Amino acid sequence: MTLASYAARGENTFSAFVEPLAVGDSLSDMPLFLTGQLHVPAPLEETYIAAWQGYPLPIRKLVEGS
């Protein structure tokens, strides 16, 4: 599995920021590019956990197999 973030630097030019990960790893914060040079950090793990906690418990149990 891989996390990737891309920044357009010009016509047909870009930069890639790549983070490999394995099952069970926490998600790394990644840059979210607004322009080719300007980015904000995207807290992926924190956002994922907050969103998952918002799901109804019966659905979480089905997905988690408990």
N, C-alpha and C. Protein backbone atom coordinates (compact mmCIF):
# COMPACT_ATOMS: atom_id res chain seq x y z
N MET A 1 0.84 -1.16 0.00
CA MET A 1 0.00 0.00 0.00
C MET A 1 0.90 1.23 0.00
N THR A 2 0.37 2.30 -0.56
CA THR A 2 1.17 3.50 -0.71
C THR A 2 0.30 4.74 -0.56
N LEU A 3 0.81 5.73 0.15
CA LEU A 3 0.21 7.06 0.17
C LEU A 3 1.00 7.91 -0.80
N ALA A 4 0.31 8.73 -1.58
CA ALA A 4 1.02 9.59 -2.52
C ALA A 4 0.33 10.94 -2.61
N SER A 5 1.13 11.97 -2.75
CA SER A 5 0.65 13.33 -2.93
C SER A 5 1.45 13.92 -4.08
N TYR A 6 0.77 14.63 -4.96
CA TYR A 6 1.42 15.16 -6.16
C TYR A 6 1.29 16.68 -6.21
N ALA A 7 2.35 17.32 -6.68
CA ALA A 7 2.35 18.77 -6.86
C ALA A 7 2.70 19.07 -8.31
N ALA A 8 1.82 19.81 -8.98
CA ALA A 8 2.11 20.24 -10.36
C ALA A 8 3.12 21.38 -10.29
N ARG A 9 4.23 21.22 -10.99
CA ARG A 9 5.30 22.23 -10.96
C ARG A 9 5.34 23.05 -12.23
N GLY A 10 4.64 22.64 -13.23
CA GLY A 10 4.63 23.32 -14.52
C GLY A 10 4.05 22.38 -15.55
N GLU A 11 4.07 22.80 -16.77
CA GLU A 11 3.52 21.98 -17.84
C GLU A 11 4.29 20.67 -17.93
N ASN A 12 3.60 19.56 -17.75
CA ASN A 12 4.17 18.22 -17.81
C ASN A 12 5.26 17.97 -16.77
N THR A 13 5.26 18.71 -15.67
CA THR A 13 6.25 18.54 -14.61
C THR A 13 5.52 18.47 -13.28
N PHE A 14 5.86 17.47 -12.49
CA PHE A 14 5.26 17.35 -11.17
C PHE A 14 6.24 16.69 -10.22
N SER A 15 5.94 16.82 -8.93
CA SER A 15 6.69 16.14 -7.89
C SER A 15 5.74 15.20 -7.16
N ALA A 16 6.25 14.07 -6.76
CA ALA A 16 5.46 13.10 -6.01
C ALA A 16 6.08 12.90 -4.64
N PHE A 17 5.24 12.86 -3.64
CA PHE A 17 5.65 12.57 -2.27
C PHE A 17 5.01 11.24 -1.91
N VAL A 18 5.84 10.22 -1.68
CA VAL A 18 5.36 8.85 -1.55
C VAL A 18 5.74 8.30 -0.18
N GLU A 19 4.78 7.65 0.47
CA GLU A 19 5.01 6.99 1.75
C GLU A 19 4.50 5.56 1.66
N PRO A 20 5.38 4.57 1.67
CA PRO A 20 4.91 3.18 1.69
C PRO A 20 4.38 2.83 3.08
N LEU A 21 3.43 1.92 3.14
CA LEU A 21 2.93 1.47 4.42
C LEU A 21 2.42 0.05 4.30
N ALA A 22 2.27 -0.60 5.45
CA ALA A 22 1.79 -1.97 5.51
C ALA A 22 0.48 -2.00 6.29
N VAL A 23 -0.22 -3.10 6.17
CA VAL A 23 -1.45 -3.27 6.92
C VAL A 23 -1.16 -3.09 8.40
N GLY A 24 -1.97 -2.28 9.06
CA GLY A 24 -1.79 -2.02 10.49
C GLY A 24 -0.99 -0.78 10.79
N ASP A 25 -0.28 -0.23 9.81
CA ASP A 25 0.47 1.01 10.02
C ASP A 25 -0.49 2.18 10.20
N SER A 26 -0.07 3.16 10.96
CA SER A 26 -0.82 4.42 11.05
C SER A 26 -0.60 5.19 9.75
N LEU A 27 -1.61 5.95 9.37
CA LEU A 27 -1.49 6.78 8.18
C LEU A 27 -0.65 8.01 8.51
N SER A 28 0.29 8.32 7.66
CA SER A 28 1.15 9.50 7.84
C SER A 28 0.40 10.75 7.43
N ASP A 29 0.77 11.88 8.02
CA ASP A 29 0.30 13.15 7.50
C ASP A 29 0.92 13.34 6.12
N MET A 30 0.15 13.85 5.19
CA MET A 30 0.65 14.07 3.83
C MET A 30 0.37 15.51 3.42
N PRO A 31 1.19 16.05 2.52
CA PRO A 31 0.92 17.41 2.04
C PRO A 31 -0.25 17.39 1.05
N LEU A 32 -1.13 18.36 1.20
CA LEU A 32 -2.23 18.57 0.26
C LEU A 32 -1.91 19.86 -0.48
N PHE A 33 -1.57 19.74 -1.75
CA PHE A 33 -1.08 20.89 -2.51
C PHE A 33 -2.22 21.76 -3.01
N LEU A 34 -2.09 23.05 -2.74
CA LEU A 34 -3.05 24.05 -3.22
C LEU A 34 -2.55 24.69 -4.50
N THR A 35 -1.23 24.80 -4.61
CA THR A 35 -0.57 25.25 -5.83
C THR A 35 0.68 24.38 -5.97
N GLY A 36 1.50 24.63 -6.96
CA GLY A 36 2.72 23.86 -7.14
C GLY A 36 3.70 24.01 -6.00
N GLN A 37 3.62 25.09 -5.24
CA GLN A 37 4.55 25.35 -4.15
C GLN A 37 3.90 25.37 -2.77
N LEU A 38 2.61 25.68 -2.72
CA LEU A 38 1.91 25.89 -1.44
C LEU A 38 1.11 24.65 -1.07
N HIS A 39 1.32 24.18 0.16
CA HIS A 39 0.55 23.02 0.63
C HIS A 39 0.15 23.20 2.09
N VAL A 40 -0.83 22.42 2.50
CA VAL A 40 -1.24 22.33 3.89
C VAL A 40 -1.10 20.87 4.30
N PRO A 41 -0.81 20.61 5.57
CA PRO A 41 -0.71 19.21 5.99
C PRO A 41 -2.11 18.59 6.11
N ALA A 42 -2.24 17.37 5.65
CA ALA A 42 -3.49 16.62 5.76
C ALA A 42 -3.29 15.52 6.80
N PRO A 43 -3.91 15.66 7.98
CA PRO A 43 -3.74 14.66 9.04
C PRO A 43 -4.61 13.43 8.77
N LEU A 44 -4.11 12.50 7.97
CA LEU A 44 -4.91 11.38 7.49
C LEU A 44 -5.39 10.45 8.59
N GLU A 45 -4.52 10.04 9.50
CA GLU A 45 -4.92 9.10 10.56
C GLU A 45 -5.98 9.71 11.46
N GLU A 46 -5.74 10.93 11.90
CA GLU A 46 -6.68 11.63 12.78
C GLU A 46 -8.05 11.80 12.10
N THR A 47 -8.04 12.15 10.83
CA THR A 47 -9.28 12.35 10.09
C THR A 47 -10.01 11.03 9.89
N TYR A 48 -9.28 9.97 9.55
CA TYR A 48 -9.88 8.66 9.36
C TYR A 48 -10.55 8.18 10.65
N ILE A 49 -9.86 8.29 11.78
CA ILE A 49 -10.42 7.84 13.05
C ILE A 49 -11.68 8.63 13.40
N ALA A 50 -11.65 9.95 13.23
CA ALA A 50 -12.82 10.77 13.53
C ALA A 50 -14.01 10.39 12.65
N ALA A 51 -13.75 10.14 11.37
CA ALA A 51 -14.83 9.76 10.46
C ALA A 51 -15.38 8.38 10.83
N TRP A 52 -14.50 7.44 11.15
CA TRP A 52 -14.94 6.08 11.50
C TRP A 52 -15.79 6.09 12.76
N GLN A 53 -15.43 6.91 13.73
CA GLN A 53 -16.19 6.98 14.98
C GLN A 53 -17.59 7.57 14.75
N GLY A 54 -17.78 8.26 13.64
CA GLY A 54 -19.08 8.84 13.31
C GLY A 54 -20.04 7.83 12.69
N TYR A 55 -19.53 6.66 12.27
CA TYR A 55 -20.40 5.64 11.69
C TYR A 55 -21.23 4.99 12.80
N PRO A 56 -22.44 4.57 12.48
CA PRO A 56 -23.26 3.88 13.49
C PRO A 56 -22.57 2.58 13.94
N LEU A 57 -22.71 2.26 15.22
CA LEU A 57 -22.05 1.09 15.79
C LEU A 57 -22.40 -0.21 15.06
N PRO A 58 -23.65 -0.45 14.67
CA PRO A 58 -23.93 -1.70 13.95
C PRO A 58 -23.12 -1.85 12.65
N ILE A 59 -22.91 -0.76 11.95
CA ILE A 59 -22.11 -0.83 10.71
C ILE A 59 -20.65 -1.08 11.05
N ARG A 60 -20.13 -0.42 12.07
CA ARG A 60 -18.73 -0.65 12.46
C ARG A 60 -18.51 -2.11 12.85
N LYS A 61 -19.47 -2.70 13.58
CA LYS A 61 -19.36 -4.11 13.98
C LYS A 61 -19.35 -5.03 12.77
N LEU A 62 -20.19 -4.72 11.76
CA LEU A 62 -20.20 -5.53 10.56
C LEU A 62 -18.85 -5.49 9.83
N VAL A 63 -18.31 -4.30 9.69
CA VAL A 63 -17.04 -4.13 8.98
C VAL A 63 -15.88 -4.76 9.77
N GLU A 64 -15.89 -4.57 11.06
CA GLU A 64 -14.80 -5.08 11.91
C GLU A 64 -14.94 -6.58 12.18
N GLY A 65 -16.10 -7.14 11.88
CA GLY A 65 -16.30 -8.57 12.11
C GLY A 65 -16.49 -8.94 13.56
N SER A 66 -16.97 -8.00 14.36
CA SER A 66 -17.20 -8.31 15.78
C SER A 66 -18.68 -8.32 16.11
